[in-house]
C-alpha atoms as a PDB file:
ATOM      1  CA  MET A   1      62.204  90.318 124.371  1.00  0.00           C
ATOM      2  CA  SER A   2      59.048  89.250 122.601  1.00  0.00           C
ATOM      3  CA  ILE A   3      58.949  85.476 122.470  1.00  0.00           C
ATOM      4  CA  ARG A   4      55.422  85.779 121.120  1.00  0.00           C
ATOM      5  CA  HIS A   5      56.552  87.720 118.063  1.00  0.00           C
ATOM      6  CA  SER A   6      59.710  85.675 117.625  1.00  0.00           C
ATOM      7  CA  LEU A   7      57.693  82.462 117.399  1.00  0.00           C
ATOM      8  CA  LEU A   8      55.243  84.056 114.982  1.00  0.00           C
ATOM      9  CA  ALA A   9      58.139  85.181 112.766  1.00  0.00           C
ATOM     10  CA  LEU A  10      59.568  81.660 112.719  1.00  0.00           C
ATOM     11  CA  LEU A  11      56.161  80.200 111.904  1.00  0.00           C
ATOM     12  CA  GLU A  12      55.768  82.665 109.057  1.00  0.00           C
ATOM     13  CA  ASP A  13      58.871  81.049 107.585  1.00  0.00           C
ATOM     14  CA  GLN A  14      57.323  77.558 107.836  1.00  0.00           C
ATOM     15  CA  PRO A  15      55.082  75.453 110.114  1.00  0.00           C
ATOM     16  CA  ARG A  16      56.946  73.910 113.043  1.00  0.00           C
ATOM     17  CA  TYR A  17      56.414  72.146 116.357  1.00  0.00           C
ATOM     18  CA  GLY A  18      57.584  73.545 119.689  1.00  0.00           C
ATOM     19  CA  TYR A  19      61.025  71.990 119.924  1.00  0.00           C
ATOM     20  CA  GLN A  20      61.807  73.019 116.333  1.00  0.00           C
ATOM     21  CA  LEU A  21      60.814  76.589 117.203  1.00  0.00           C
ATOM     22  CA  ARG A  22      63.106  76.568 120.225  1.00  0.00           C
ATOM     23  CA  VAL A  23      66.064  75.234 118.239  1.00  0.00           C
ATOM     24  CA  GLU A  24      65.468  77.621 115.347  1.00  0.00           C
ATOM     25  CA  PHE A  25      65.163  80.626 117.678  1.00  0.00           C
ATOM     26  CA  GLU A  26      68.437  79.743 119.372  1.00  0.00           C
ATOM     27  CA  ASN A  27      70.168  79.100 116.030  1.00  0.00           C
ATOM     28  CA  ARG A  28      69.072  82.439 114.617  1.00  0.00           C
ATOM     29  CA  THR A  29      70.035  84.425 117.703  1.00  0.00           C
ATOM     30  CA  GLY A  30      73.361  82.704 118.310  1.00  0.00           C
ATOM     31  CA  ALA A  31      71.932  80.935 121.383  1.00  0.00           C
ATOM     32  CA  THR A  32      72.326  84.213 123.273  1.00  0.00           C
ATOM     33  CA  TRP A  33      68.885  83.958 124.870  1.00  0.00           C
ATOM     34  CA  PRO A  34      68.074  80.291 125.493  1.00  0.00           C
ATOM     35  CA  LEU A  35      64.380  79.476 125.557  1.00  0.00           C
ATOM     36  CA  ASN A  36      62.768  77.167 128.057  1.00  0.00           C
ATOM     37  CA  ILE A  37      60.697  74.629 126.133  1.00  0.00           C
ATOM     38  CA  GLY A  38      57.842  75.157 128.607  1.00  0.00           C
ATOM     39  CA  GLN A  39      57.844  78.860 127.709  1.00  0.00           C
ATOM     40  CA  VAL A  40      57.621  77.945 124.021  1.00  0.00           C
ATOM     41  CA  TYR A  41      54.565  75.734 124.531  1.00  0.00           C
ATOM     42  CA  THR A  42      52.887  78.217 126.896  1.00  0.00           C
ATOM     43  CA  THR A  43      53.380  80.929 124.282  1.00  0.00           C
ATOM     44  CA  LEU A  44      52.047  78.670 121.528  1.00  0.00           C
ATOM     45  CA  ASP A  45      48.928  78.013 123.636  1.00  0.00           C
ATOM     46  CA  ARG A  46      48.367  81.766 123.990  1.00  0.00           C
ATOM     47  CA  LEU A  47      48.978  82.362 120.292  1.00  0.00           C
ATOM     48  CA  GLU A  48      46.434  79.660 119.480  1.00  0.00           C
ATOM     49  CA  ARG A  49      43.956  81.157 121.961  1.00  0.00           C
ATOM     50  CA  ASP A  50      44.415  84.536 120.254  1.00  0.00           C
ATOM     51  CA  ALA A  51      43.881  82.919 116.808  1.00  0.00           C
ATOM     52  CA  LEU A  52      47.366  83.905 115.634  1.00  0.00           C
ATOM     53  CA  VAL A  53      48.446  80.288 115.088  1.00  0.00           C
ATOM     54  CA  ALA A  54      46.576  77.075 114.427  1.00  0.00           C
ATOM     55  CA  ARG A  55      47.378  73.436 114.968  1.00  0.00           C
ATOM     56  CA  ASP A  56      48.336  71.839 111.697  1.00  0.00           C
ATOM     57  CA  GLY A  57      48.084  68.195 112.737  1.00  0.00           C
ATOM     58  CA  ASP A  58      51.226  66.362 113.749  1.00  0.00           C
ATOM     59  CA  ASP A  59      54.505  65.354 112.173  1.00  0.00           C
ATOM     60  CA  GLY A  60      53.828  61.618 112.409  1.00  0.00           C
ATOM     61  CA  ASN A  61      55.924  61.328 115.571  1.00  0.00           C
ATOM     62  CA  GLY A  62      53.355  62.847 117.902  1.00  0.00           C
ATOM     63  CA  HIS A  63      54.616  66.442 117.705  1.00  0.00           C
ATOM     64  CA  VAL A  64      51.860  69.009 117.201  1.00  0.00           C
ATOM     65  CA  VAL A  65      52.774  71.236 114.262  1.00  0.00           C
ATOM     66  CA  TYR A  66      51.675  74.865 114.331  1.00  0.00           C
ATOM     67  CA  SER A  67      51.191  77.259 111.439  1.00  0.00           C
ATOM     68  CA  ILE A  68      50.604  80.985 111.398  1.00  0.00           C
ATOM     69  CA  THR A  69      47.125  82.315 110.587  1.00  0.00           C
ATOM     70  CA  ALA A  70      46.237  85.391 108.538  1.00  0.00           C
ATOM     71  CA  ALA A  71      45.801  87.321 111.797  1.00  0.00           C
ATOM     72  CA  GLY A  72      49.233  86.101 112.871  1.00  0.00           C
ATOM     73  CA  ARG A  73      50.757  87.337 109.614  1.00  0.00           C
ATOM     74  CA  THR A  74      49.212  90.750 110.196  1.00  0.00           C
ATOM     75  CA  GLU A  75      50.516  90.768 113.775  1.00  0.00           C
ATOM     76  CA  ILE A  76      54.070  89.933 112.660  1.00  0.00           C
ATOM     77  CA  ARG A  77      54.039  92.528 109.861  1.00  0.00           C
ATOM     78  CA  ASN A  78      52.946  95.149 112.395  1.00  0.00           C
ATOM     79  CA  TRP A  79      55.686  94.029 114.813  1.00  0.00           C
ATOM     80  CA  PHE A  80      58.401  94.349 112.178  1.00  0.00           C
ATOM     81  CA  ALA A  81      57.060  97.745 111.075  1.00  0.00           C
ATOM     82  CA  ALA A  82      56.925  99.266 114.566  1.00  0.00           C
ATOM     83  CA  PRO A  83      60.002 100.520 116.420  1.00  0.00           C
ATOM     84  CA  VAL A  84      60.907  98.952 119.751  1.00  0.00           C
ATOM     85  CA  GLY A  85      59.634 101.299 122.435  1.00  0.00           C
ATOM     86  CA  ARG A  86      61.959 102.751 125.044  1.00  0.00           C
ATOM     87  CA  ASN A  87      59.257 104.250 127.262  1.00  0.00           C
ATOM     88  CA  ASN A  88      59.276 101.256 129.634  1.00  0.00           C
ATOM     89  CA  PRO A  89      62.964 100.355 129.869  1.00  0.00           C
ATOM     90  CA  PRO A  90      63.718  96.891 131.184  1.00  0.00           C
ATOM     91  CA  ARG A  91      65.108  96.671 134.690  1.00  0.00           C
ATOM     92  CA  ASN A  92      68.862  97.027 134.709  1.00  0.00           C
ATOM     93  CA  GLU A  93      70.260  95.119 137.678  1.00  0.00           C
ATOM     94  CA  LEU A  94      73.581  96.944 137.536  1.00  0.00           C
ATOM     95  CA  ALA A  95      71.955 100.400 137.558  1.00  0.00           C
ATOM     96  CA  ILE A  96      69.757  99.325 140.482  1.00  0.00           C
ATOM     97  CA  LYS A  97      72.770  97.914 142.342  1.00  0.00           C
ATOM     98  CA  LEU A  98      74.775 101.123 141.929  1.00  0.00           C
ATOM     99  CA  ALA A  99      71.813 103.349 142.761  1.00  0.00           C
ATOM    100  CA  LEU A 100      71.389 101.461 146.027  1.00  0.00           C
ATOM    101  CA  ALA A 101      75.132 101.268 146.695  1.00  0.00           C
ATOM    102  CA  VAL A 102      75.548 105.054 146.599  1.00  0.00           C
ATOM    103  CA  THR A 103      72.664 105.506 149.038  1.00  0.00           C
ATOM    104  CA  LEU A 104      73.644 102.931 151.638  1.00  0.00           C
ATOM    105  CA  PRO A 105      76.365 103.383 154.243  1.00  0.00           C
ATOM    106  CA  GLY A 106      79.242 100.948 154.295  1.00  0.00           C
ATOM    107  CA  VAL A 107      79.131  99.952 150.617  1.00  0.00           C
ATOM    108  CA  ASP A 108      82.428 100.338 148.780  1.00  0.00           C
ATOM    109  CA  VAL A 109      80.992 101.827 145.587  1.00  0.00           C
ATOM    110  CA  LYS A 110      84.416 101.994 143.937  1.00  0.00           C
ATOM    111  CA  ALA A 111      84.866  98.240 144.501  1.00  0.00           C
ATOM    112  CA  VAL A 112      81.406  97.548 143.066  1.00  0.00           C
ATOM    113  CA  ILE A 113      82.243  99.605 139.965  1.00  0.00           C
ATOM    114  CA  GLN A 114      85.663  98.011 139.551  1.00  0.00           C
ATOM    115  CA  SER A 115      84.319  94.474 139.939  1.00  0.00           C
ATOM    116  CA  GLN A 116      81.692  95.145 137.302  1.00  0.00           C
ATOM    117  CA  ARG A 117      84.213  96.813 134.988  1.00  0.00           C
ATOM    118  CA  VAL A 118      86.409  93.690 135.077  1.00  0.00           C
ATOM    119  CA  SER A 119      83.383  91.514 134.290  1.00  0.00           C
ATOM    120  CA  SER A 120      82.130  93.834 131.545  1.00  0.00           C
ATOM    121  CA  MET A 121      85.559  94.008 129.918  1.00  0.00           C
ATOM    122  CA  LYS A 122      85.788  90.199 129.980  1.00  0.00           C
ATOM    123  CA  SER A 123      82.370  89.967 128.320  1.00  0.00           C
ATOM    124  CA  LEU A 124      83.417  92.541 125.737  1.00  0.00           C
ATOM    125  CA  GLN A 125      86.554  90.546 124.952  1.00  0.00           C
ATOM    126  CA  ASP A 126      84.595  87.283 124.722  1.00  0.00           C
ATOM    127  CA  TYR A 127      81.947  88.781 122.425  1.00  0.00           C
ATOM    128  CA  SER A 128      84.611  90.417 120.257  1.00  0.00           C
ATOM    129  CA  LYS A 129      86.534  87.145 119.937  1.00  0.00           C
ATOM    130  CA  ALA A 130      83.361  85.235 119.063  1.00  0.00           C
ATOM    131  CA  ARG A 131      82.510  87.858 116.461  1.00  0.00           C
ATOM    132  CA  ARG A 132      86.006  87.745 114.929  1.00  0.00           C
ATOM    133  CA  ASP A 133      85.951  83.942 114.817  1.00  0.00           C
ATOM    134  CA  MET A 134      82.523  83.889 113.211  1.00  0.00           C
ATOM    135  CA  ALA A 135      83.449  86.585 110.693  1.00  0.00           C
ATOM    136  CA  LEU A 136      86.589  84.666 109.673  1.00  0.00           C
ATOM    137  CA  ASN A 137      84.551  81.556 108.887  1.00  0.00           C
ATOM    138  CA  GLN A 138      81.314  83.284 107.944  1.00  0.00           C
ATOM    139  CA  ARG A 139      78.613  81.206 106.343  1.00  0.00           C
ATOM    140  CA  ALA A 140      75.533  82.561 104.634  1.00  0.00           C
ATOM    141  CA  GLY A 141      73.346  81.901 107.703  1.00  0.00           C
ATOM    142  CA  ASP A 142      75.637  83.689 110.168  1.00  0.00           C
ATOM    143  CA  THR A 143      74.344  87.206 109.544  1.00  0.00           C
ATOM    144  CA  ALA A 144      71.710  86.969 112.296  1.00  0.00           C
ATOM    145  CA  SER A 145      74.229  85.727 114.849  1.00  0.00           C
ATOM    146  CA  LEU A 146      76.689  88.440 113.842  1.00  0.00           C
ATOM    147  CA  LEU A 147      74.017  91.100 114.362  1.00  0.00           C
ATOM    148  CA  VAL A 148      73.324  89.751 117.850  1.00  0.00           C
ATOM    149  CA  LEU A 149      77.040  89.700 118.681  1.00  0.00           C
ATOM    150  CA  ASP A 150      77.408  93.271 117.397  1.00  0.00           C
ATOM    151  CA  SER A 151      74.558  94.336 119.669  1.00  0.00           C
ATOM    152  CA  LEU A 152      76.166  92.627 122.675  1.00  0.00           C
ATOM    153  CA  ILE A 153      79.516  94.258 121.892  1.00  0.00           C
ATOM    154  CA  PHE A 154      77.940  97.718 121.717  1.00  0.00           C
ATOM    155  CA  GLN A 155      76.038  97.104 124.961  1.00  0.00           C
ATOM    156  CA  ALA A 156      79.212  95.984 126.752  1.00  0.00           C
ATOM    157  CA  GLU A 157      81.124  99.002 125.412  1.00  0.00           C
ATOM    158  CA  ALA A 158      78.352 101.328 126.590  1.00  0.00           C
ATOM    159  CA  GLU A 159      78.337  99.679 130.013  1.00  0.00           C
ATOM    160  CA  VAL A 160      82.098 100.205 130.409  1.00  0.00           C
ATOM    161  CA  ARG A 161      81.728 103.872 129.400  1.00  0.00           C
ATOM    162  CA  TRP A 162      78.864 104.257 131.879  1.00  0.00           C
ATOM    163  CA  LEU A 163      80.974 102.680 134.646  1.00  0.00           C
ATOM    164  CA  ASP A 164      83.734 105.185 133.843  1.00  0.00           C
ATOM    165  CA  LEU A 165      81.173 107.975 134.258  1.00  0.00           C
ATOM    166  CA  CYS A 166      79.948 106.507 137.555  1.00  0.00           C
ATOM    167  CA  GLU A 167      83.507 106.368 138.868  1.00  0.00           C
ATOM    168  CA  ALA A 168      84.157 109.966 137.744  1.00  0.00           C
ATOM    169  CA  ARG A 169      81.003 111.092 139.567  1.00  0.00           C
ATOM    170  CA  MET A 170      82.127 109.328 142.740  1.00  0.00           C
ATOM    171  CA  ILE A 171      85.522 111.057 142.535  1.00  0.00           C
ATOM    172  CA  GLN A 172      83.870 114.406 141.805  1.00  0.00           C
ATOM    173  CA  GLN A 173      81.719 114.009 144.912  1.00  0.00           C
ATOM    174  CA  GLY A 174      84.726 112.982 146.984  1.00  0.00           C
ATOM    175  CA  GLN A 175      83.445 109.418 147.428  1.00  0.00           C
ATOM    176  CA  GLY A 176      86.212 107.626 145.592  1.00  0.00           C
ATOM    177  CA  LYS A 177      89.789 107.964 144.486  1.00  0.00           C
END
């Protein structure tokens, strides 16, 4: 997840100080990925160093307000125009866990898969309920949160399908019933 680009996108909308950026990021993403305020300010320092944002004075209460520069606008346009690369996939703890489980003696792989399936199904149900509830009472600003929930639902569905495949492979290899 690119916090750098997310903050630039929010600053393109309007100048803000760090805490406002954090709140706005969480509002627009349905608070799915909470940001540490220290991470926000560290990122702002780097953006300023790279001349992508500039300090715009303060808000009168001692908060430093940042605005996006022309270089920052170019950077954010390029980010939105480029696809998200899949050549360096993020680490997937579950895939790592199962890869190790099938290679180590004494690990009940079937139990690992079943435990994760129960958790994944619960997450899928929770995301689906949250999406239904939001859709029933949808406000104009909910589109971003609905998109995030849709993504989480699809990811959970894919994970359950993948777990089914893992279990079928274990049975096929005589390692599970």
